[in-house]
Amino acid sequence: MYKNRGADGRNNLCGRKVARLRIAREPRLSQRGLADLLQLENLDVDKNAVQRIESGQRFVTDIELKTIAAVLGVSADELLEDDPPER
């Protein structure tokens, strides 16, 4: 059986981290703002694509992962790291 999803049923590993990093920016970055920055880096995504990435509904390609990481100022590895469990 193929495993195209995470253990939690999400289509990507990075979405929650992308959302946390986006919100933590000063000033806070909106989903539309992130989409605009990604478009400036020639990545064809819109606000709806960012929302679907963050919610785990959309797969993320390696090219997208690399660009998202660069725009957010982190490494691609950091986007893929497991977060500590929430209490």
PDB file of N, CA and C in Angstrom:
ATOM      1  N   MET A   1       0.837  -1.181   0.000  1.00  0.00           N
ATOM      2  CA  MET A   1       0.000   0.000   0.000  1.00  0.00           C
ATOM      3  C   MET A   1       0.884   1.247   0.000  1.00  0.00           C
ATOM      4  N   TYR A   2       0.527   2.210  -0.816  1.00  0.00           N
ATOM      5  CA  TYR A   2       1.276   3.457  -0.909  1.00  0.00           C
ATOM      6  C   TYR A   2       0.894   4.385   0.234  1.00  0.00           C
ATOM      7  N   LYS A   3       1.878   5.159   0.683  1.00  0.00           N
ATOM      8  CA  LYS A   3       1.630   6.142   1.743  1.00  0.00           C
ATOM      9  C   LYS A   3       1.918   7.528   1.188  1.00  0.00           C
ATOM     10  N   ASN A   4       0.879   8.195   0.745  1.00  0.00           N
ATOM     11  CA  ASN A   4       1.033   9.546   0.211  1.00  0.00           C
ATOM     12  C   ASN A   4       0.689  10.611   1.227  1.00  0.00           C
ATOM     13  N   ARG A   5       0.299  10.196   2.421  1.00  0.00           N
ATOM     14  CA  ARG A   5      -0.115  11.143   3.440  1.00  0.00           C
ATOM     15  C   ARG A   5       0.640  10.879   4.730  1.00  0.00           C
ATOM     16  N   GLY A   6       0.691  11.893   5.585  1.00  0.00           N
ATOM     17  CA  GLY A   6       1.291  11.730   6.888  1.00  0.00           C
ATOM     18  C   GLY A   6       0.405  10.868   7.772  1.00  0.00           C
ATOM     19  N   ALA A   7       0.931  10.507   8.920  1.00  0.00           N
ATOM     20  CA  ALA A   7       0.176   9.678   9.861  1.00  0.00           C
ATOM     21  C   ALA A   7      -1.120  10.357  10.296  1.00  0.00           C
ATOM     22  N   ASP A   8      -1.137  11.686  10.247  1.00  0.00           N
ATOM     23  CA  ASP A   8      -2.328  12.433  10.645  1.00  0.00           C
ATOM     24  C   ASP A   8      -3.285  12.691   9.483  1.00  0.00           C
ATOM     25  N   GLY A   9      -2.991  12.111   8.301  1.00  0.00           N
ATOM     26  CA  GLY A   9      -3.860  12.259   7.137  1.00  0.00           C
ATOM     27  C   GLY A   9      -3.604  13.491   6.302  1.00  0.00           C
ATOM     28  N   ARG A  10      -2.620  14.285   6.695  1.00  0.00           N
ATOM     29  CA  ARG A  10      -2.310  15.513   5.950  1.00  0.00           C
ATOM     30  C   ARG A  10      -1.496  15.176   4.705  1.00  0.00           C
ATOM     31  N   ASN A  11      -1.614  16.024   3.691  1.00  0.00           N
ATOM     32  CA  ASN A  11      -0.909  15.830   2.425  1.00  0.00           C
ATOM     33  C   ASN A  11       0.489  16.425   2.402  1.00  0.00           C
ATOM     34  N   ASN A  12       0.929  17.028   3.494  1.00  0.00           N
ATOM     35  CA  ASN A  12       2.285  17.565   3.554  1.00  0.00           C
ATOM     36  C   ASN A  12       2.771  17.570   4.991  1.00  0.00           C
ATOM     37  N   LEU A  13       4.071  17.692   5.152  1.00  0.00           N
ATOM     38  CA  LEU A  13       4.675  17.742   6.479  1.00  0.00           C
ATOM     39  C   LEU A  13       4.941  19.162   6.942  1.00  0.00           C
ATOM     40  N   CYS A  14       4.917  20.109   6.027  1.00  0.00           N
ATOM     41  CA  CYS A  14       5.388  21.457   6.339  1.00  0.00           C
ATOM     42  C   CYS A  14       4.297  22.479   6.613  1.00  0.00           C
ATOM     43  N   GLY A  15       3.049  22.180   6.330  1.00  0.00           N
ATOM     44  CA  GLY A  15       1.993  23.182   6.382  1.00  0.00           C
ATOM     45  C   GLY A  15       1.839  23.878   7.716  1.00  0.00           C
ATOM     46  N   ARG A  16       1.832  23.113   8.797  1.00  0.00           N
ATOM     47  CA  ARG A  16       1.662  23.731  10.115  1.00  0.00           C
ATOM     48  C   ARG A  16       2.828  24.651  10.446  1.00  0.00           C
ATOM     49  N   LYS A  17       4.033  24.228  10.072  1.00  0.00           N
ATOM     50  CA  LYS A  17       5.224  25.046  10.337  1.00  0.00           C
ATOM     51  C   LYS A  17       5.175  26.319   9.500  1.00  0.00           C
ATOM     52  N   VAL A  18       4.741  26.209   8.244  1.00  0.00           N
ATOM     53  CA  VAL A  18       4.612  27.395   7.388  1.00  0.00           C
ATOM     54  C   VAL A  18       3.656  28.390   8.046  1.00  0.00           C
ATOM     55  N   ALA A  19       2.530  27.915   8.537  1.00  0.00           N
ATOM     56  CA  ALA A  19       1.555  28.803   9.173  1.00  0.00           C
ATOM     57  C   ALA A  19       2.153  29.478  10.405  1.00  0.00           C
ATOM     58  N   ARG A  20       2.843  28.713  11.243  1.00  0.00           N
ATOM     59  CA  ARG A  20       3.433  29.283  12.462  1.00  0.00           C
ATOM     60  C   ARG A  20       4.484  30.343  12.128  1.00  0.00           C
ATOM     61  N   LEU A  21       5.339  30.043  11.158  1.00  0.00           N
ATOM     62  CA  LEU A  21       6.380  31.000  10.787  1.00  0.00           C
ATOM     63  C   LEU A  21       5.783  32.255  10.150  1.00  0.00           C
ATOM     64  N   ARG A  22       4.764  32.071   9.338  1.00  0.00           N
ATOM     65  CA  ARG A  22       4.107  33.218   8.693  1.00  0.00           C
ATOM     66  C   ARG A  22       3.494  34.139   9.741  1.00  0.00           C
ATOM     67  N   ILE A  23       2.787  33.554  10.691  1.00  0.00           N
ATOM     68  CA  ILE A  23       2.107  34.343  11.722  1.00  0.00           C
ATOM     69  C   ILE A  23       3.116  35.002  12.666  1.00  0.00           C
ATOM     70  N   ALA A  24       4.252  34.335  12.899  1.00  0.00           N
ATOM     71  CA  ALA A  24       5.248  34.853  13.846  1.00  0.00           C
ATOM     72  C   ALA A  24       6.049  36.020  13.291  1.00  0.00           C
ATOM     73  N   ARG A  25       5.981  36.236  11.994  1.00  0.00           N
ATOM     74  CA  ARG A  25       6.751  37.349  11.410  1.00  0.00           C
ATOM     75  C   ARG A  25       6.254  38.679  11.933  1.00  0.00           C
ATOM     76  N   GLU A  26       7.181  39.612  12.039  1.00  0.00           N
ATOM     77  CA  GLU A  26       6.839  40.979  12.436  1.00  0.00           C
ATOM     78  C   GLU A  26       7.149  41.900  11.271  1.00  0.00           C
ATOM     79  N   PRO A  27       6.196  42.629  10.758  1.00  0.00           N
ATOM     80  CA  PRO A  27       4.787  42.526  11.096  1.00  0.00           C
ATOM     81  C   PRO A  27       4.210  41.209  10.573  1.00  0.00           C
ATOM     82  N   ARG A  28       3.090  40.812  11.168  1.00  0.00           N
ATOM     83  CA  ARG A  28       2.456  39.543  10.810  1.00  0.00           C
ATOM     84  C   ARG A  28       2.170  39.502   9.312  1.00  0.00           C
ATOM     85  N   LEU A  29       2.436  38.360   8.713  1.00  0.00           N
ATOM     86  CA  LEU A  29       2.271  38.184   7.272  1.00  0.00           C
ATOM     87  C   LEU A  29       0.975  37.420   7.008  1.00  0.00           C
ATOM     88  N   SER A  30       0.137  37.945   6.156  1.00  0.00           N
ATOM     89  CA  SER A  30      -1.113  37.271   5.804  1.00  0.00           C
ATOM     90  C   SER A  30      -0.834  36.169   4.784  1.00  0.00           C
ATOM     91  N   GLN A  31      -1.811  35.324   4.577  1.00  0.00           N
ATOM     92  CA  GLN A  31      -1.679  34.298   3.544  1.00  0.00           C
ATOM     93  C   GLN A  31      -1.524  34.948   2.179  1.00  0.00           C
ATOM     94  N   ARG A  32      -2.263  35.989   1.939  1.00  0.00           N
ATOM     95  CA  ARG A  32      -2.132  36.706   0.661  1.00  0.00           C
ATOM     96  C   ARG A  32      -0.742  37.322   0.539  1.00  0.00           C
ATOM     97  N   GLY A  33      -0.234  37.875   1.643  1.00  0.00           N
ATOM     98  CA  GLY A  33       1.107  38.452   1.633  1.00  0.00           C
ATOM     99  C   GLY A  33       2.166  37.408   1.327  1.00  0.00           C
ATOM    100  N   LEU A  34       2.023  36.225   1.906  1.00  0.00           N
ATOM    101  CA  LEU A  34       2.975  35.156   1.614  1.00  0.00           C
ATOM    102  C   LEU A  34       2.868  34.742   0.151  1.00  0.00           C
ATOM    103  N   ALA A  35       1.652  34.625  -0.348  1.00  0.00           N
ATOM    104  CA  ALA A  35       1.468  34.271  -1.762  1.00  0.00           C
ATOM    105  C   ALA A  35       2.126  35.319  -2.661  1.00  0.00           C
ATOM    106  N   ASP A  36       1.980  36.590  -2.308  1.00  0.00           N
ATOM    107  CA  ASP A  36       2.592  37.663  -3.103  1.00  0.00           C
ATOM    108  C   ASP A  36       4.122  37.533  -3.106  1.00  0.00           C
ATOM    109  N   LEU A  37       4.700  37.257  -1.931  1.00  0.00           N
ATOM    110  CA  LEU A  37       6.161  37.092  -1.858  1.00  0.00           C
ATOM    111  C   LEU A  37       6.618  35.881  -2.668  1.00  0.00           C
ATOM    112  N   LEU A  38       5.850  34.815  -2.636  1.00  0.00           N
ATOM    113  CA  LEU A  38       6.201  33.620  -3.399  1.00  0.00           C
ATOM    114  C   LEU A  38       6.096  33.886  -4.901  1.00  0.00           C
ATOM    115  N   GLN A  39       5.106  34.673  -5.292  1.00  0.00           N
ATOM    116  CA  GLN A  39       4.974  35.023  -6.708  1.00  0.00           C
ATOM    117  C   GLN A  39       6.149  35.871  -7.173  1.00  0.00           C
ATOM    118  N   LEU A  40       6.676  36.732  -6.302  1.00  0.00           N
ATOM    119  CA  LEU A  40       7.862  37.523  -6.655  1.00  0.00           C
ATOM    120  C   LEU A  40       9.077  36.624  -6.895  1.00  0.00           C
ATOM    121  N   GLU A  41       9.038  35.415  -6.320  1.00  0.00           N
ATOM    122  CA  GLU A  41      10.113  34.436  -6.526  1.00  0.00           C
ATOM    123  C   GLU A  41       9.758  33.457  -7.649  1.00  0.00           C
ATOM    124  N   ASN A  42       8.749  33.832  -8.463  1.00  0.00           N
ATOM    125  CA  ASN A  42       8.304  33.054  -9.625  1.00  0.00           C
ATOM    126  C   ASN A  42       7.663  31.720  -9.263  1.00  0.00           C
ATOM    127  N   LEU A  43       7.038  31.652  -8.095  1.00  0.00           N
ATOM    128  CA  LEU A  43       6.284  30.470  -7.705  1.00  0.00           C
ATOM    129  C   LEU A  43       4.809  30.801  -7.892  1.00  0.00           C
ATOM    130  N   ASP A  44       4.134  30.046  -8.721  1.00  0.00           N
ATOM    131  CA  ASP A  44       2.755  30.340  -9.094  1.00  0.00           C
ATOM    132  C   ASP A  44       1.785  29.774  -8.052  1.00  0.00           C
ATOM    133  N   VAL A  45       1.599  30.520  -6.966  1.00  0.00           N
ATOM    134  CA  VAL A  45       0.630  30.155  -5.931  1.00  0.00           C
ATOM    135  C   VAL A  45      -0.196  31.390  -5.587  1.00  0.00           C
ATOM    136  N   ASP A  46      -1.407  31.152  -5.139  1.00  0.00           N
ATOM    137  CA  ASP A  46      -2.253  32.252  -4.698  1.00  0.00           C
ATOM    138  C   ASP A  46      -2.608  32.043  -3.230  1.00  0.00           C
ATOM    139  N   LYS A  47      -3.425  32.936  -2.685  1.00  0.00           N
ATOM    140  CA  LYS A  47      -3.805  32.869  -1.280  1.00  0.00           C
ATOM    141  C   LYS A  47      -4.485  31.543  -0.959  1.00  0.00           C
ATOM    142  N   ASN A  48      -5.311  31.046  -1.871  1.00  0.00           N
ATOM    143  CA  ASN A  48      -6.010  29.787  -1.637  1.00  0.00           C
ATOM    144  C   ASN A  48      -5.036  28.615  -1.574  1.00  0.00           C
ATOM    145  N   ALA A  49      -3.993  28.637  -2.390  1.00  0.00           N
ATOM    146  CA  ALA A  49      -2.984  27.581  -2.353  1.00  0.00           C
ATOM    147  C   ALA A  49      -2.240  27.605  -1.025  1.00  0.00           C
ATOM    148  N   VAL A  50      -1.911  28.803  -0.528  1.00  0.00           N
ATOM    149  CA  VAL A  50      -1.243  28.923   0.775  1.00  0.00           C
ATOM    150  C   VAL A  50      -2.147  28.357   1.863  1.00  0.00           C
ATOM    151  N   GLN A  51      -3.434  28.685   1.821  1.00  0.00           N
ATOM    152  CA  GLN A  51      -4.375  28.182   2.820  1.00  0.00           C
ATOM    153  C   GLN A  51      -4.428  26.650   2.780  1.00  0.00           C
ATOM    154  N   ARG A  52      -4.454  26.083   1.590  1.00  0.00           N
ATOM    155  CA  ARG A  52      -4.538  24.625   1.452  1.00  0.00           C
ATOM    156  C   ARG A  52      -3.237  23.950   1.894  1.00  0.00           C
ATOM    157  N   ILE A  53      -2.092  24.594   1.669  1.00  0.00           N
ATOM    158  CA  ILE A  53      -0.815  24.061   2.154  1.00  0.00           C
ATOM    159  C   ILE A  53      -0.825  24.044   3.676  1.00  0.00           C
ATOM    160  N   GLU A  54      -1.202  25.167   4.270  1.00  0.00           N
ATOM    161  CA  GLU A  54      -1.182  25.281   5.729  1.00  0.00           C
ATOM    162  C   GLU A  54      -2.156  24.325   6.401  1.00  0.00           C
ATOM    163  N   SER A  55      -3.270  24.040   5.757  1.00  0.00           N
ATOM    164  CA  SER A  55      -4.266  23.140   6.348  1.00  0.00           C
ATOM    165  C   SER A  55      -3.961  21.675   6.049  1.00  0.00           C
ATOM    166  N   GLY A  56      -2.945  21.420   5.216  1.00  0.00           N
ATOM    167  CA  GLY A  56      -2.572  20.043   4.897  1.00  0.00           C
ATOM    168  C   GLY A  56      -3.385  19.422   3.785  1.00  0.00           C
ATOM    169  N   GLN A  57      -4.171  20.207   3.086  1.00  0.00           N
ATOM    170  CA  GLN A  57      -5.012  19.689   2.006  1.00  0.00           C
ATOM    171  C   GLN A  57      -4.269  19.600   0.678  1.00  0.00           C
ATOM    172  N   ARG A  58      -3.105  20.231   0.579  1.00  0.00           N
ATOM    173  CA  ARG A  58      -2.378  20.313  -0.698  1.00  0.00           C
ATOM    174  C   ARG A  58      -0.984  19.743  -0.541  1.00  0.00           C
ATOM    175  N   PHE A  59      -0.577  18.968  -1.542  1.00  0.00           N
ATOM    176  CA  PHE A  59       0.797  18.488  -1.586  1.00  0.00           C
ATOM    177  C   PHE A  59       1.730  19.665  -1.874  1.00  0.00           C
ATOM    178  N   VAL A  60       2.976  19.563  -1.440  1.00  0.00           N
ATOM    179  CA  VAL A  60       3.982  20.598  -1.678  1.00  0.00           C
ATOM    180  C   VAL A  60       5.141  19.951  -2.415  1.00  0.00           C
ATOM    181  N   THR A  61       5.506  20.516  -3.566  1.00  0.00           N
ATOM    182  CA  THR A  61       6.633  19.982  -4.325  1.00  0.00           C
ATOM    183  C   THR A  61       7.951  20.429  -3.698  1.00  0.00           C
ATOM    184  N   ASP A  62       9.030  19.781  -4.085  1.00  0.00           N
ATOM    185  CA  ASP A  62      10.340  20.173  -3.567  1.00  0.00           C
ATOM    186  C   ASP A  62      10.698  21.594  -3.999  1.00  0.00           C
ATOM    187  N   ILE A  63      10.318  21.987  -5.185  1.00  0.00           N
ATOM    188  CA  ILE A  63      10.582  23.344  -5.670  1.00  0.00           C
ATOM    189  C   ILE A  63       9.825  24.356  -4.818  1.00  0.00           C
ATOM    190  N   GLU A  64       8.560  24.054  -4.517  1.00  0.00           N
ATOM    191  CA  GLU A  64       7.773  24.937  -3.664  1.00  0.00           C
ATOM    192  C   GLU A  64       8.360  24.998  -2.258  1.00  0.00           C
ATOM    193  N   LEU A  65       8.755  23.856  -1.720  1.00  0.00           N
ATOM    194  CA  LEU A  65       9.322  23.800  -0.374  1.00  0.00           C
ATOM    195  C   LEU A  65      10.566  24.680  -0.274  1.00  0.00           C
ATOM    196  N   LYS A  66      11.432  24.574  -1.258  1.00  0.00           N
ATOM    197  CA  LYS A  66      12.667  25.358  -1.266  1.00  0.00           C
ATOM    198  C   LYS A  66      12.361  26.860  -1.323  1.00  0.00           C
ATOM    199  N   THR A  67      11.404  27.243  -2.138  1.00  0.00           N
ATOM    200  CA  THR A  67      11.060  28.657  -2.275  1.00  0.00           C
ATOM    201  C   THR A  67      10.364  29.191  -1.030  1.00  0.00           C
ATOM    202  N   ILE A  68       9.446  28.415  -0.473  1.00  0.00           N
ATOM    203  CA  ILE A  68       8.758  28.824   0.755  1.00  0.00           C
ATOM    204  C   ILE A  68       9.780  29.024   1.872  1.00  0.00           C
ATOM    205  N   ALA A  69      10.713  28.091   1.999  1.00  0.00           N
ATOM    206  CA  ALA A  69      11.740  28.197   3.038  1.00  0.00           C
ATOM    207  C   ALA A  69      12.563  29.471   2.859  1.00  0.00           C
ATOM    208  N   ALA A  70      12.969  29.761   1.621  1.00  0.00           N
ATOM    209  CA  ALA A  70      13.772  30.957   1.363  1.00  0.00           C
ATOM    210  C   ALA A  70      12.999  32.222   1.726  1.00  0.00           C
ATOM    211  N   VAL A  71      11.734  32.288   1.344  1.00  0.00           N
ATOM    212  CA  VAL A  71      10.919  33.472   1.626  1.00  0.00           C
ATOM    213  C   VAL A  71      10.717  33.652   3.133  1.00  0.00           C
ATOM    214  N   LEU A  72      10.569  32.545   3.854  1.00  0.00           N
ATOM    215  CA  LEU A  72      10.365  32.622   5.303  1.00  0.00           C
ATOM    216  C   LEU A  72      11.680  32.714   6.077  1.00  0.00           C
ATOM    217  N   GLY A  73      12.805  32.617   5.377  1.00  0.00           N
ATOM    218  CA  GLY A  73      14.115  32.780   6.015  1.00  0.00           C
ATOM    219  C   GLY A  73      14.555  31.594   6.852  1.00  0.00           C
ATOM    220  N   VAL A  74      14.143  30.393   6.451  1.00  0.00           N
ATOM    221  CA  VAL A  74      14.538  29.172   7.157  1.00  0.00           C
ATOM    222  C   VAL A  74      15.022  28.152   6.137  1.00  0.00           C
ATOM    223  N   SER A  75      15.556  27.045   6.619  1.00  0.00           N
ATOM    224  CA  SER A  75      15.964  25.985   5.700  1.00  0.00           C
ATOM    225  C   SER A  75      14.765  25.084   5.390  1.00  0.00           C
ATOM    226  N   ALA A  76      14.844  24.387   4.275  1.00  0.00           N
ATOM    227  CA  ALA A  76      13.801  23.425   3.937  1.00  0.00           C
ATOM    228  C   ALA A  76      13.731  22.340   5.008  1.00  0.00           C
ATOM    229  N   ASP A  77      14.874  21.958   5.556  1.00  0.00           N
ATOM    230  CA  ASP A  77      14.886  20.960   6.632  1.00  0.00           C
ATOM    231  C   ASP A  77      14.081  21.429   7.832  1.00  0.00           C
ATOM    232  N   GLU A  78      14.180  22.718   8.149  1.00  0.00           N
ATOM    233  CA  GLU A  78      13.430  23.238   9.289  1.00  0.00           C
ATOM    234  C   GLU A  78      11.930  23.142   9.055  1.00  0.00           C
ATOM    235  N   LEU A  79      11.502  23.333   7.827  1.00  0.00           N
ATOM    236  CA  LEU A  79      10.074  23.212   7.520  1.00  0.00           C
ATOM    237  C   LEU A  79       9.596  21.769   7.676  1.00  0.00           C
ATOM    238  N   LEU A  80      10.498  20.820   7.533  1.00  0.00           N
ATOM    239  CA  LEU A  80      10.112  19.413   7.598  1.00  0.00           C
ATOM    240  C   LEU A  80      10.279  18.804   8.986  1.00  0.00           C
ATOM    241  N   GLU A  81      10.921  19.533   9.882  1.00  0.00           N
ATOM    242  CA  GLU A  81      11.156  19.006  11.240  1.00  0.00           C
ATOM    243  C   GLU A  81       9.834  18.835  11.978  1.00  0.00           C
ATOM    244  N   ASP A  82       9.784  17.785  12.795  1.00  0.00           N
ATOM    245  CA  ASP A  82       8.626  17.582  13.665  1.00  0.00           C
ATOM    246  C   ASP A  82       8.632  18.640  14.757  1.00  0.00           C
ATOM    247  N   ASP A  83       7.479  19.172  15.025  1.00  0.00           N
ATOM    248  CA  ASP A  83       7.337  20.114  16.129  1.00  0.00           C
ATOM    249  C   ASP A  83       7.175  19.339  17.423  1.00  0.00           C
ATOM    250  N   PRO A  84       7.564  19.928  18.542  1.00  0.00           N
ATOM    251  CA  PRO A  84       7.305  19.248  19.808  1.00  0.00           C
ATOM    252  C   PRO A  84       5.815  19.081  20.012  1.00  0.00           C
ATOM    253  N   PRO A  85       5.395  18.013  20.680  1.00  0.00           N
ATOM    254  CA  PRO A  85       3.965  17.806  20.878  1.00  0.00           C
ATOM    255  C   PRO A  85       3.338  18.948  21.682  1.00  0.00           C
ATOM    256  N   GLU A  86       2.100  19.280  21.319  1.00  0.00           N
ATOM    257  CA  GLU A  86       1.402  20.346  22.037  1.00  0.00           C
ATOM    258  C   GLU A  86       0.860  19.806  23.337  1.00  0.00           C
ATOM    259  N   ARG A  87       0.868  20.651  24.373  1.00  0.00           N
ATOM    260  CA  ARG A  87       0.373  20.213  25.686  1.00  0.00           C
ATOM    261  C   ARG A  87      -1.016  20.693  25.939  1.00  0.00           C
TER     262      ARG A  87
END
